[in-house]
C-alpha atoms as a PDB file:
ATOM      1  CA  MET A   1      21.369 -11.833  -7.348  1.00  0.00           C
ATOM      2  CA  PHE A   2      22.097 -14.932  -5.291  1.00  0.00           C
ATOM      3  CA  GLU A   3      19.570 -14.605  -2.455  1.00  0.00           C
ATOM      4  CA  ALA A   4      20.940 -17.089   0.037  1.00  0.00           C
ATOM      5  CA  ALA A   5      24.011 -19.215   0.187  1.00  0.00           C
ATOM      6  CA  ARG A   6      23.549 -22.898   0.835  1.00  0.00           C
ATOM      7  CA  ARG A   7      25.854 -22.590   3.824  1.00  0.00           C
ATOM      8  CA  PRO A   8      25.714 -19.282   5.677  1.00  0.00           C
ATOM      9  CA  LEU A   9      29.225 -18.276   6.662  1.00  0.00           C
ATOM     10  CA  LYS A  10      30.218 -16.932  10.072  1.00  0.00           C
ATOM     11  CA  ILE A  11      32.990 -14.336   9.766  1.00  0.00           C
ATOM     12  CA  CYS A  12      34.878 -13.009  12.790  1.00  0.00           C
ATOM     13  CA  VAL A  13      37.011  -9.877  12.734  1.00  0.00           C
ATOM     14  CA  ASP A  14      38.543  -8.203  15.793  1.00  0.00           C
ATOM     15  CA  GLY A  15      36.361 -10.185  18.204  1.00  0.00           C
ATOM     16  CA  SER A  16      33.118  -9.325  16.388  1.00  0.00           C
ATOM     17  CA  CYS A  17      31.252 -11.934  14.349  1.00  0.00           C
ATOM     18  CA  ILE A  18      28.673 -11.638  11.581  1.00  0.00           C
ATOM     19  CA  VAL A  19      26.870 -14.212   9.474  1.00  0.00           C
ATOM     20  CA  LEU A  20      26.883 -13.765   5.719  1.00  0.00           C
ATOM     21  CA  ARG A  21      23.946 -15.425   3.991  1.00  0.00           C
ATOM     22  CA  SER A  22      24.211 -14.133   0.446  1.00  0.00           C
ATOM     23  CA  LEU A  23      26.666 -13.202  -2.226  1.00  0.00           C
ATOM     24  CA  ASP A  24      25.540  -9.592  -1.838  1.00  0.00           C
ATOM     25  CA  ASP A  25      26.406  -9.788   1.887  1.00  0.00           C
ATOM     26  CA  ALA A  26      29.842 -11.159   1.000  1.00  0.00           C
ATOM     27  CA  ILE A  27      30.432  -8.422  -1.592  1.00  0.00           C
ATOM     28  CA  GLY A  28      29.472  -5.752   0.942  1.00  0.00           C
ATOM     29  CA  PHE A  29      31.750  -7.289   3.552  1.00  0.00           C
ATOM     30  CA  VAL A  30      34.758  -7.440   1.244  1.00  0.00           C
ATOM     31  CA  ARG A  31      34.197  -3.871  -0.005  1.00  0.00           C
ATOM     32  CA  SER A  32      34.020  -2.487   3.546  1.00  0.00           C
ATOM     33  CA  HIS A  33      36.956  -4.422   5.005  1.00  0.00           C
ATOM     34  CA  PRO A  34      40.717  -3.896   4.543  1.00  0.00           C
ATOM     35  CA  VAL A  35      40.954  -7.359   2.915  1.00  0.00           C
ATOM     36  CA  ARG A  36      39.525  -5.749  -0.230  1.00  0.00           C
ATOM     37  CA  GLU A  37      43.034  -4.763  -1.305  1.00  0.00           C
ATOM     38  CA  HIS A  38      43.749  -8.491  -1.702  1.00  0.00           C
ATOM     39  CA  ALA A  39      40.440  -9.368  -3.331  1.00  0.00           C
ATOM     40  CA  GLU A  40      39.894  -7.375  -6.531  1.00  0.00           C
ATOM     41  CA  MET A  41      39.623 -10.459  -8.736  1.00  0.00           C
ATOM     42  CA  LEU A  42      37.358 -12.171  -6.200  1.00  0.00           C
ATOM     43  CA  LEU A  43      35.061  -9.134  -6.162  1.00  0.00           C
ATOM     44  CA  ASP A  44      34.977  -9.176  -9.972  1.00  0.00           C
ATOM     45  CA  GLN A  45      33.965 -12.851  -9.925  1.00  0.00           C
ATOM     46  CA  MET A  46      31.272 -12.369  -7.268  1.00  0.00           C
ATOM     47  CA  GLU A  47      29.788  -9.297  -8.962  1.00  0.00           C
ATOM     48  CA  ALA A  48      29.706 -10.947 -12.403  1.00  0.00           C
ATOM     49  CA  ALA A  49      28.015 -14.159 -11.216  1.00  0.00           C
ATOM     50  CA  ARG A  50      24.534 -14.177 -12.741  1.00  0.00           C
ATOM     51  CA  LEU A  51      23.796 -17.834 -13.406  1.00  0.00           C
ATOM     52  CA  PRO A  52      23.166 -20.172 -10.459  1.00  0.00           C
ATOM     53  CA  GLU A  53      26.281 -22.264 -11.152  1.00  0.00           C
ATOM     54  CA  LEU A  54      28.476 -19.147 -11.321  1.00  0.00           C
ATOM     55  CA  GLN A  55      26.936 -17.873  -8.095  1.00  0.00           C
ATOM     56  CA  ARG A  56      27.694 -21.195  -6.404  1.00  0.00           C
ATOM     57  CA  ARG A  57      31.282 -21.054  -7.605  1.00  0.00           C
ATOM     58  CA  ALA A  58      31.643 -17.441  -6.488  1.00  0.00           C
ATOM     59  CA  TRP A  59      30.357 -18.373  -3.023  1.00  0.00           C
ATOM     60  CA  VAL A  60      32.856 -21.250  -2.803  1.00  0.00           C
ATOM     61  CA  ALA A  61      35.621 -18.859  -3.877  1.00  0.00           C
ATOM     62  CA  PHE A  62      34.574 -16.434  -1.133  1.00  0.00           C
ATOM     63  CA  GLU A  63      34.520 -19.246   1.463  1.00  0.00           C
ATOM     64  CA  THR A  64      38.016 -20.265   0.396  1.00  0.00           C
ATOM     65  CA  PHE A  65      39.241 -16.663   0.591  1.00  0.00           C
ATOM     66  CA  ALA A  66      37.692 -16.195   4.052  1.00  0.00           C
ATOM     67  CA  ASP A  67      39.352 -19.409   5.260  1.00  0.00           C
ATOM     68  CA  ALA A  68      42.716 -18.309   3.860  1.00  0.00           C
ATOM     69  CA  MET A  69      42.418 -14.888   5.512  1.00  0.00           C
ATOM     70  CA  LYS A  70      41.543 -16.650   8.809  1.00  0.00           C
ATOM     71  CA  LEU A  71      38.176 -14.904   9.025  1.00  0.00           C
ATOM     72  CA  VAL A  72      36.269 -18.153   9.636  1.00  0.00           C
ATOM     73  CA  PRO A  73      36.671 -19.344  13.229  1.00  0.00           C
ATOM     74  CA  ASP A  74      35.391 -22.884  12.666  1.00  0.00           C
ATOM     75  CA  ALA A  75      37.058 -23.624   9.313  1.00  0.00           C
ATOM     76  CA  PRO A  76      38.661 -26.972  10.318  1.00  0.00           C
ATOM     77  CA  ARG A  77      35.327 -28.377  11.548  1.00  0.00           C
ATOM     78  CA  ARG A  78      33.463 -27.135   8.445  1.00  0.00           C
ATOM     79  CA  LEU A  79      35.860 -28.827   6.068  1.00  0.00           C
ATOM     80  CA  MET A  80      35.647 -32.269   7.693  1.00  0.00           C
END
């Protein structure tokens, strides 16, 4: 699967931060975190992404989800 994202993503939860560098990392994070109850369709998209363009789109969808869930501490700076 998608070995490394173009832009690793720093996720912070309860004062602890991790860096996700791949779609597999993101899938594992979502599956192990309570946000999974809000992310079934996102997980489906990430797991089904086989082609490079679909993997890129799945990563962007995950970034957007993480921003919306306020898991990305530096979101405003990243988007500028």
